[in-house]
Amino acid sequence: CVVSGDTWDTNAMAWFRQAPGKER
């Protein structure tokens, strides 16, 4: 995952996943 723009405004990142019919 590449972040662009105001990257100074971020201090953490995460991965979520969503399978069909399920919540993220």
PDB file of all heavy atoms in Angstrom:
ATOM      1  N   CYS A   1       0.858  -1.182   0.000  1.00  0.00           N
ATOM      2  CA  CYS A   1       0.000   0.000   0.000  1.00  0.00           C
ATOM      3  C   CYS A   1       0.893   1.230   0.000  1.00  0.00           C
ATOM      4  O   CYS A   1       1.653   1.445   0.948  1.00  0.00           O
ATOM      5  CB  CYS A   1      -0.920  -0.001   1.210  1.00  0.00           C
ATOM      6  SG  CYS A   1      -2.051   1.410   1.275  1.00  0.00           S
ATOM      7  N   VAL A   2       0.787   2.014  -1.053  1.00  0.00           N
ATOM      8  CA  VAL A   2       1.565   3.241  -1.174  1.00  0.00           C
ATOM      9  C   VAL A   2       0.702   4.417  -0.767  1.00  0.00           C
ATOM     10  O   VAL A   2      -0.436   4.552  -1.231  1.00  0.00           O
ATOM     11  CB  VAL A   2       2.083   3.430  -2.610  1.00  0.00           C
ATOM     12  CG1 VAL A   2       2.868   4.733  -2.720  1.00  0.00           C
ATOM     13  CG2 VAL A   2       2.938   2.246  -3.024  1.00  0.00           C
ATOM     14  N   VAL A   3       1.256   5.252   0.080  1.00  0.00           N
ATOM     15  CA  VAL A   3       0.543   6.438   0.561  1.00  0.00           C
ATOM     16  C   VAL A   3       1.123   7.666  -0.127  1.00  0.00           C
ATOM     17  O   VAL A   3       2.342   7.827  -0.203  1.00  0.00           O
ATOM     18  CB  VAL A   3       0.674   6.585   2.078  1.00  0.00           C
ATOM     19  CG1 VAL A   3      -0.167   7.755   2.579  1.00  0.00           C
ATOM     20  CG2 VAL A   3       0.259   5.305   2.775  1.00  0.00           C
ATOM     21  N   SER A   4       0.261   8.522  -0.612  1.00  0.00           N
ATOM     22  CA  SER A   4       0.702   9.766  -1.236  1.00  0.00           C
ATOM     23  C   SER A   4      -0.128  10.918  -0.708  1.00  0.00           C
ATOM     24  O   SER A   4      -1.150  10.730  -0.055  1.00  0.00           O
ATOM     25  CB  SER A   4       0.592   9.665  -2.760  1.00  0.00           C
ATOM     26  OG  SER A   4      -0.745   9.438  -3.141  1.00  0.00           O
ATOM     27  N   GLY A   5       0.339  12.114  -0.993  1.00  0.00           N
ATOM     28  CA  GLY A   5      -0.368  13.298  -0.509  1.00  0.00           C
ATOM     29  C   GLY A   5       0.208  13.765   0.820  1.00  0.00           C
ATOM     30  O   GLY A   5       1.409  13.746   1.025  1.00  0.00           O
ATOM     31  N   ASP A   6      -0.645  14.176   1.723  1.00  0.00           N
ATOM     32  CA  ASP A   6      -0.211  14.702   3.019  1.00  0.00           C
ATOM     33  C   ASP A   6       0.143  13.555   3.966  1.00  0.00           C
ATOM     34  O   ASP A   6      -0.540  13.316   4.967  1.00  0.00           O
ATOM     35  CB  ASP A   6      -1.295  15.574   3.625  1.00  0.00           C
ATOM     36  CG  ASP A   6      -1.530  16.842   2.837  1.00  0.00           C
ATOM     37  OD1 ASP A   6      -0.579  17.306   2.174  1.00  0.00           O
ATOM     38  OD2 ASP A   6      -2.659  17.369   2.858  1.00  0.00           O
ATOM     39  N   THR A   7       1.230  12.883   3.674  1.00  0.00           N
ATOM     40  CA  THR A   7       1.604  11.718   4.470  1.00  0.00           C
ATOM     41  C   THR A   7       1.961  12.086   5.905  1.00  0.00           C
ATOM     42  O   THR A   7       1.905  11.255   6.792  1.00  0.00           O
ATOM     43  CB  THR A   7       2.784  10.987   3.822  1.00  0.00           C
ATOM     44  OG1 THR A   7       3.871  11.902   3.690  1.00  0.00           O
ATOM     45  CG2 THR A   7       2.403  10.457   2.447  1.00  0.00           C
ATOM     46  N   TRP A   8       2.294  13.359   6.144  1.00  0.00           N
ATOM     47  CA  TRP A   8       2.618  13.794   7.507  1.00  0.00           C
ATOM     48  C   TRP A   8       1.413  13.673   8.427  1.00  0.00           C
ATOM     49  O   TRP A   8       1.542  13.677   9.648  1.00  0.00           O
ATOM     50  CB  TRP A   8       3.082  15.254   7.495  1.00  0.00           C
ATOM     51  CG  TRP A   8       2.081  16.175   6.852  1.00  0.00           C
ATOM     52  CD1 TRP A   8       2.040  16.571   5.553  1.00  0.00           C
ATOM     53  CD2 TRP A   8       0.941  16.790   7.483  1.00  0.00           C
ATOM     54  NE1 TRP A   8       0.956  17.380   5.331  1.00  0.00           N
ATOM     55  CE2 TRP A   8       0.277  17.544   6.491  1.00  0.00           C
ATOM     56  CE3 TRP A   8       0.441  16.785   8.781  1.00  0.00           C
ATOM     57  CZ2 TRP A   8      -0.871  18.277   6.767  1.00  0.00           C
ATOM     58  CZ3 TRP A   8      -0.705  17.513   9.056  1.00  0.00           C
ATOM     59  CH2 TRP A   8      -1.349  18.242   8.044  1.00  0.00           C
ATOM     60  N   ASP A   9       0.241  13.583   7.811  1.00  0.00           N
ATOM     61  CA  ASP A   9      -1.007  13.553   8.582  1.00  0.00           C
ATOM     62  C   ASP A   9      -1.356  12.152   9.067  1.00  0.00           C
ATOM     63  O   ASP A   9      -2.395  11.943   9.682  1.00  0.00           O
ATOM     64  CB  ASP A   9      -2.154  14.096   7.718  1.00  0.00           C
ATOM     65  CG  ASP A   9      -3.373  14.437   8.545  1.00  0.00           C
ATOM     66  OD1 ASP A   9      -3.197  14.910   9.692  1.00  0.00           O
ATOM     67  OD2 ASP A   9      -4.505  14.220   8.068  1.00  0.00           O
ATOM     68  N   THR A  10      -0.503  11.185   8.774  1.00  0.00           N
ATOM     69  CA  THR A  10      -0.785   9.817   9.174  1.00  0.00           C
ATOM     70  C   THR A  10       0.287   9.334  10.140  1.00  0.00           C
ATOM     71  O   THR A  10       1.440   9.737  10.055  1.00  0.00           O
ATOM     72  CB  THR A  10      -0.842   8.883   7.964  1.00  0.00           C
ATOM     73  OG1 THR A  10       0.428   8.907   7.295  1.00  0.00           O
ATOM     74  CG2 THR A  10      -1.909   9.347   6.979  1.00  0.00           C
ATOM     75  N   ASN A  11      -0.103   8.472  11.068  1.00  0.00           N
ATOM     76  CA  ASN A  11       0.858   7.932  12.020  1.00  0.00           C
ATOM     77  C   ASN A  11       0.642   6.447  12.286  1.00  0.00           C
ATOM     78  O   ASN A  11       1.296   5.867  13.146  1.00  0.00           O
ATOM     79  CB  ASN A  11       0.806   8.713  13.336  1.00  0.00           C
ATOM     80  CG  ASN A  11      -0.618   8.862  13.832  1.00  0.00           C
ATOM     81  OD1 ASN A  11      -1.270   7.889  14.164  1.00  0.00           O
ATOM     82  ND2 ASN A  11      -1.112  10.083  13.868  1.00  0.00           N
ATOM     83  N   ALA A  12      -0.265   5.867  11.559  1.00  0.00           N
ATOM     84  CA  ALA A  12      -0.504   4.433  11.676  1.00  0.00           C
ATOM     85  C   ALA A  12      -1.232   3.968  10.432  1.00  0.00           C
ATOM     86  O   ALA A  12      -1.962   4.743   9.798  1.00  0.00           O
ATOM     87  CB  ALA A  12      -1.331   4.106  12.911  1.00  0.00           C
ATOM     88  N   MET A  13      -1.020   2.715  10.107  1.00  0.00           N
ATOM     89  CA  MET A  13      -1.737   2.121   8.984  1.00  0.00           C
ATOM     90  C   MET A  13      -2.145   0.713   9.353  1.00  0.00           C
ATOM     91  O   MET A  13      -1.576   0.096  10.251  1.00  0.00           O
ATOM     92  CB  MET A  13      -0.872   2.119   7.724  1.00  0.00           C
ATOM     93  CG  MET A  13      -0.643   3.510   7.157  1.00  0.00           C
ATOM     94  SD  MET A  13       0.202   3.486   5.578  1.00  0.00           S
ATOM     95  CE  MET A  13      -1.040   2.698   4.548  1.00  0.00           C
ATOM     96  N   ALA A  14      -3.127   0.248   8.646  1.00  0.00           N
ATOM     97  CA  ALA A  14      -3.635  -1.085   8.935  1.00  0.00           C
ATOM     98  C   ALA A  14      -4.160  -1.733   7.666  1.00  0.00           C
ATOM     99  O   ALA A  14      -4.431  -1.052   6.667  1.00  0.00           O
ATOM    100  CB  ALA A  14      -4.725  -1.021   9.994  1.00  0.00           C
ATOM    101  N   TRP A  15      -4.304  -3.020   7.746  1.00  0.00           N
ATOM    102  CA  TRP A  15      -4.961  -3.801   6.712  1.00  0.00           C
ATOM    103  C   TRP A  15      -6.232  -4.392   7.313  1.00  0.00           C
ATOM    104  O   TRP A  15      -6.195  -4.979   8.400  1.00  0.00           O
ATOM    105  CB  TRP A  15      -4.062  -4.919   6.208  1.00  0.00           C
ATOM    106  CG  TRP A  15      -2.920  -4.445   5.369  1.00  0.00           C
ATOM    107  CD1 TRP A  15      -1.651  -4.155   5.788  1.00  0.00           C
ATOM    108  CD2 TRP A  15      -2.938  -4.210   3.965  1.00  0.00           C
ATOM    109  NE1 TRP A  15      -0.886  -3.745   4.738  1.00  0.00           N
ATOM    110  CE2 TRP A  15      -1.645  -3.776   3.596  1.00  0.00           C
ATOM    111  CE3 TRP A  15      -3.906  -4.328   2.968  1.00  0.00           C
ATOM    112  CZ2 TRP A  15      -1.300  -3.455   2.284  1.00  0.00           C
ATOM    113  CZ3 TRP A  15      -3.567  -4.007   1.664  1.00  0.00           C
ATOM    114  CH2 TRP A  15      -2.278  -3.576   1.326  1.00  0.00           C
ATOM    115  N   PHE A  16      -7.306  -4.216   6.585  1.00  0.00           N
ATOM    116  CA  PHE A  16      -8.563  -4.882   6.887  1.00  0.00           C
ATOM    117  C   PHE A  16      -8.888  -5.799   5.710  1.00  0.00           C
ATOM    118  O   PHE A  16      -8.346  -5.639   4.625  1.00  0.00           O
ATOM    119  CB  PHE A  16      -9.695  -3.856   7.061  1.00  0.00           C
ATOM    120  CG  PHE A  16      -9.657  -3.114   8.374  1.00  0.00           C
ATOM    121  CD1 PHE A  16      -8.710  -2.118   8.601  1.00  0.00           C
ATOM    122  CD2 PHE A  16     -10.565  -3.388   9.382  1.00  0.00           C
ATOM    123  CE1 PHE A  16      -8.675  -1.419   9.803  1.00  0.00           C
ATOM    124  CE2 PHE A  16     -10.544  -2.707  10.584  1.00  0.00           C
ATOM    125  CZ  PHE A  16      -9.594  -1.720  10.789  1.00  0.00           C
ATOM    126  N   ARG A  17      -9.782  -6.726   5.936  1.00  0.00           N
ATOM    127  CA  ARG A  17     -10.238  -7.580   4.848  1.00  0.00           C
ATOM    128  C   ARG A  17     -11.736  -7.797   4.966  1.00  0.00           C
ATOM    129  O   ARG A  17     -12.301  -7.723   6.054  1.00  0.00           O
ATOM    130  CB  ARG A  17      -9.498  -8.910   4.831  1.00  0.00           C
ATOM    131  CG  ARG A  17      -9.758  -9.800   6.053  1.00  0.00           C
ATOM    132  CD  ARG A  17      -8.858 -11.028   6.000  1.00  0.00           C
ATOM    133  NE  ARG A  17      -9.052 -11.891   7.160  1.00  0.00           N
ATOM    134  CZ  ARG A  17      -8.298 -12.945   7.432  1.00  0.00           C
ATOM    135  NH1 ARG A  17      -7.287 -13.278   6.619  1.00  0.00           N
ATOM    136  NH2 ARG A  17      -8.550 -13.684   8.502  1.00  0.00           N
ATOM    137  N   GLN A  18     -12.327  -8.047   3.820  1.00  0.00           N
ATOM    138  CA  GLN A  18     -13.761  -8.302   3.791  1.00  0.00           C
ATOM    139  C   GLN A  18     -14.043  -9.427   2.819  1.00  0.00           C
ATOM    140  O   GLN A  18     -13.795  -9.302   1.614  1.00  0.00           O
ATOM    141  CB  GLN A  18     -14.536  -7.044   3.410  1.00  0.00           C
ATOM    142  CG  GLN A  18     -16.030  -7.189   3.567  1.00  0.00           C
ATOM    143  CD  GLN A  18     -16.742  -5.844   3.539  1.00  0.00           C
ATOM    144  OE1 GLN A  18     -16.209  -4.834   3.080  1.00  0.00           O
ATOM    145  NE2 GLN A  18     -17.957  -5.810   4.058  1.00  0.00           N
ATOM    146  N   ALA A  19     -14.577 -10.507   3.351  1.00  0.00           N
ATOM    147  CA  ALA A  19     -14.979 -11.643   2.528  1.00  0.00           C
ATOM    148  C   ALA A  19     -16.443 -11.472   2.153  1.00  0.00           C
ATOM    149  O   ALA A  19     -17.187 -10.757   2.835  1.00  0.00           O
ATOM    150  CB  ALA A  19     -14.773 -12.935   3.313  1.00  0.00           C
ATOM    151  N   PRO A  20     -16.887 -12.112   1.083  1.00  0.00           N
ATOM    152  CA  PRO A  20     -18.281 -11.983   0.656  1.00  0.00           C
ATOM    153  C   PRO A  20     -19.249 -12.344   1.769  1.00  0.00           C
ATOM    154  O   PRO A  20     -19.104 -13.386   2.421  1.00  0.00           O
ATOM    155  CB  PRO A  20     -18.376 -12.973  -0.510  1.00  0.00           C
ATOM    156  CG  PRO A  20     -16.995 -13.045  -1.041  1.00  0.00           C
ATOM    157  CD  PRO A  20     -16.100 -12.939   0.160  1.00  0.00           C
ATOM    158  N   GLY A  21     -20.195 -11.458   2.022  1.00  0.00           N
ATOM    159  CA  GLY A  21     -21.208 -11.718   3.027  1.00  0.00           C
ATOM    160  C   GLY A  21     -20.757 -11.511   4.456  1.00  0.00           C
ATOM    161  O   GLY A  21     -21.520 -11.767   5.392  1.00  0.00           O
ATOM    162  N   LYS A  22     -19.544 -11.024   4.642  1.00  0.00           N
ATOM    163  CA  LYS A  22     -19.023 -10.823   5.997  1.00  0.00           C
ATOM    164  C   LYS A  22     -18.663  -9.358   6.216  1.00  0.00           C
ATOM    165  O   LYS A  22     -18.497  -8.592   5.269  1.00  0.00           O
ATOM    166  CB  LYS A  22     -17.802 -11.712   6.224  1.00  0.00           C
ATOM    167  CG  LYS A  22     -18.108 -13.203   6.218  1.00  0.00           C
ATOM    168  CD  LYS A  22     -16.899 -14.006   6.645  1.00  0.00           C
ATOM    169  CE  LYS A  22     -17.227 -15.491   6.716  1.00  0.00           C
ATOM    170  NZ  LYS A  22     -16.053 -16.296   7.154  1.00  0.00           N
ATOM    171  N   GLU A  23     -18.536  -9.003   7.484  1.00  0.00           N
ATOM    172  CA  GLU A  23     -18.152  -7.649   7.826  1.00  0.00           C
ATOM    173  C   GLU A  23     -16.648  -7.454   7.609  1.00  0.00           C
ATOM    174  O   GLU A  23     -15.880  -8.409   7.596  1.00  0.00           O
ATOM    175  CB  GLU A  23     -18.515  -7.356   9.283  1.00  0.00           C
ATOM    176  CG  GLU A  23     -20.007  -7.336   9.562  1.00  0.00           C
ATOM    177  CD  GLU A  23     -20.330  -6.899  10.976  1.00  0.00           C
ATOM    178  OE1 GLU A  23     -19.394  -6.746  11.779  1.00  0.00           O
ATOM    179  OE2 GLU A  23     -21.514  -6.700  11.270  1.00  0.00           O
ATOM    180  N   ARG A  24     -16.287  -6.192   7.468  1.00  0.00           N
ATOM    181  CA  ARG A  24     -14.878  -5.878   7.327  1.00  0.00           C
ATOM    182  C   ARG A  24     -14.157  -6.184   8.639  1.00  0.00           C
ATOM    183  O   ARG A  24     -14.616  -5.817   9.717  1.00  0.00           O
ATOM    184  CB  ARG A  24     -14.713  -4.406   6.940  1.00  0.00           C
ATOM    185  CG  ARG A  24     -13.335  -4.038   6.458  1.00  0.00           C
ATOM    186  CD  ARG A  24     -13.331  -2.691   5.763  1.00  0.00           C
ATOM    187  NE  ARG A  24     -14.115  -2.721   4.534  1.00  0.00           N
ATOM    188  CZ  ARG A  24     -14.103  -1.754   3.628  1.00  0.00           C
ATOM    189  NH1 ARG A  24     -13.344  -0.670   3.817  1.00  0.00           N
ATOM    190  NH2 ARG A  24     -14.842  -1.841   2.556  1.00  0.00           N
TER     191      ARG A  24
END
